[in-house]
Protein backbone atom coordinates (compact mmCIF):
# COMPACT_ATOMS: atom_id res chain seq x y z
CA MET A 1 -0.14 0.25 0.10
CA THR A 2 1.44 3.16 -0.45
CA PHE A 3 0.45 6.77 0.54
CA ASP A 4 -1.30 7.56 -3.24
CA ALA A 5 -3.54 4.62 -2.67
CA VAL A 6 -4.29 5.80 0.74
CA ARG A 7 -5.39 9.07 -0.68
CA ARG A 8 -7.27 7.78 -3.26
CA LEU A 9 -9.15 5.97 -1.45
CA ALA A 10 -9.73 8.60 1.29
CA HIS A 11 -10.68 11.14 -1.35
CA ASP A 12 -14.05 8.87 -2.20
CA LEU A 13 -15.25 10.12 1.28
CA PRO A 14 -16.71 14.03 1.18
CA ASP A 15 -14.87 17.38 1.79
CA VAL A 16 -11.17 15.59 1.57
CA GLU A 17 -8.86 17.74 0.93
CA ASP A 18 -5.10 17.39 0.58
CA GLY A 19 -2.23 19.20 2.85
CA THR A 20 0.58 18.77 5.01
CA SER A 21 1.12 18.04 8.63
CA TYR A 22 4.51 18.28 10.25
CA GLY A 23 6.27 18.57 6.30
CA THR A 24 4.70 14.85 5.54
CA PRO A 25 1.41 14.76 3.01
CA ALA A 26 -1.82 14.75 4.84
CA LEU A 27 -5.45 14.24 4.38
CA LYS A 28 -7.94 16.98 5.69
CA VAL A 29 -11.57 17.45 6.09
CA LYS A 30 -12.68 20.76 6.24
CA GLY A 31 -9.42 22.04 7.41
CA LYS A 32 -8.79 19.25 10.36
CA LEU A 33 -6.61 16.60 10.33
CA PHE A 34 -7.28 12.79 9.95
CA VAL A 35 -4.43 10.85 7.95
CA ARG A 36 -0.85 11.66 8.02
CA LEU A 37 1.98 9.81 6.52
CA ARG A 38 4.80 8.65 8.77
CA PRO A 39 7.16 8.06 6.10
CA ASP A 40 9.53 6.76 9.05
CA LEU A 41 7.98 4.34 10.25
CA ASP A 42 6.23 2.98 6.57
CA ALA A 43 2.89 3.85 8.64
CA ILE A 44 -0.17 6.29 8.31
CA VAL A 45 -1.53 7.80 11.40
CA VAL A 46 -5.50 8.63 11.67
CA LYS A 47 -7.38 9.62 13.37
CA MET A 48 -9.06 7.11 16.00
CA PRO A 49 -11.71 6.95 19.11
CA PHE A 50 -10.00 5.27 21.89
CA ASP A 51 -12.11 2.36 22.30
CA LYS A 52 -11.87 1.66 18.64
CA ARG A 53 -7.98 2.29 18.54
CA ASP A 54 -7.85 -0.39 21.21
CA GLU A 55 -9.64 -3.05 19.72
CA LEU A 56 -7.84 -2.76 16.96
CA VAL A 57 -4.28 -2.90 18.53
CA ARG A 58 -5.84 -5.54 20.53
CA THR A 59 -6.87 -7.79 17.75
CA ASP A 60 -4.73 -7.22 14.81
CA PRO A 61 -1.45 -5.70 16.17
CA GLY A 62 0.54 -6.72 13.09
CA VAL A 63 -1.23 -3.67 11.02
CA TYR A 64 -2.43 -1.23 13.97
CA PHE A 65 -0.14 0.00 16.29
CA LEU A 66 1.30 2.78 19.01
CA THR A 67 4.28 4.18 19.92
CA ASP A 68 4.33 5.88 23.27
CA HIS A 69 3.92 9.43 21.60
CA TYR A 70 0.15 8.49 20.34
CA VAL A 71 -0.74 6.70 23.86
CA PRO A 72 -2.56 9.58 25.62
CA TYR A 73 -4.01 10.93 21.62
CA GLU A 74 -6.90 9.70 19.57
CA TRP A 75 -4.93 8.39 17.07
CA VAL A 76 -3.82 5.04 15.63
CA LEU A 77 -0.98 4.22 13.05
CA VAL A 78 -1.49 1.58 10.31
CA ARG A 79 1.16 -0.36 8.85
CA LEU A 80 1.13 0.40 4.74
CA GLY A 81 2.97 -2.90 4.41
CA ALA A 82 0.29 -4.94 6.16
CA VAL A 83 -2.93 -3.17 5.52
CA LYS A 84 -5.60 -4.92 3.27
CA THR A 85 -7.59 -2.13 1.15
CA THR A 86 -11.23 -3.47 2.44
CA ALA A 87 -9.75 -2.50 6.00
CA LEU A 88 -8.32 0.56 5.09
CA ARG A 89 -11.54 1.88 3.56
CA ALA A 90 -12.71 1.29 6.59
CA ILE A 91 -10.39 2.40 8.95
CA LEU A 92 -10.70 5.68 6.78
CA LYS A 93 -14.06 6.00 7.28
CA ILE A 94 -13.82 5.46 10.69
CA GLY A 95 -11.01 8.68 10.53
CA TRP A 96 -13.26 10.44 8.54
CA GLN A 97 -16.48 10.34 11.16
CA ALA A 98 -13.85 11.38 14.35
CA THR A 99 -13.23 14.00 12.32
CA GLN A 100 -16.36 15.63 11.88
CA VAL A 101 -16.82 15.53 16.01
CA GLY A 102 -16.69 18.91 16.83
CA GLY A 103 -13.96 20.18 19.37
CA ARG A 104 -10.90 18.49 21.28
CA ARG A 105 -11.12 15.55 22.94
CA PRO A 106 -9.24 15.21 26.15
CA ARG A 107 -6.33 13.18 27.00
CA ARG A 108 -6.74 9.93 28.20
CA GLY A 109 -4.80 10.12 31.26
């Protein structure tokens, strides 16, 4: 999987626009970040509610993972070399929906 493939799938969702985040390619919804590339990890970071994120990491750690940095935030890392297209579509939709919720969610403490 490449970021271009991720980008094409994400653009099937409404209001998705290309952007950058921390100098890397990113995807936004009405200016709000919901996906960004982490080339150093061969992964993308996707906006993800804690409950869904924890389930993904627990049930498929070969695809979904966290670094210490992301533990307190509603984001999940997705290995580009391991994710299947069908799963990625579903993950992108969840991330897109999570971006639609107004305001910032509190950090997990």
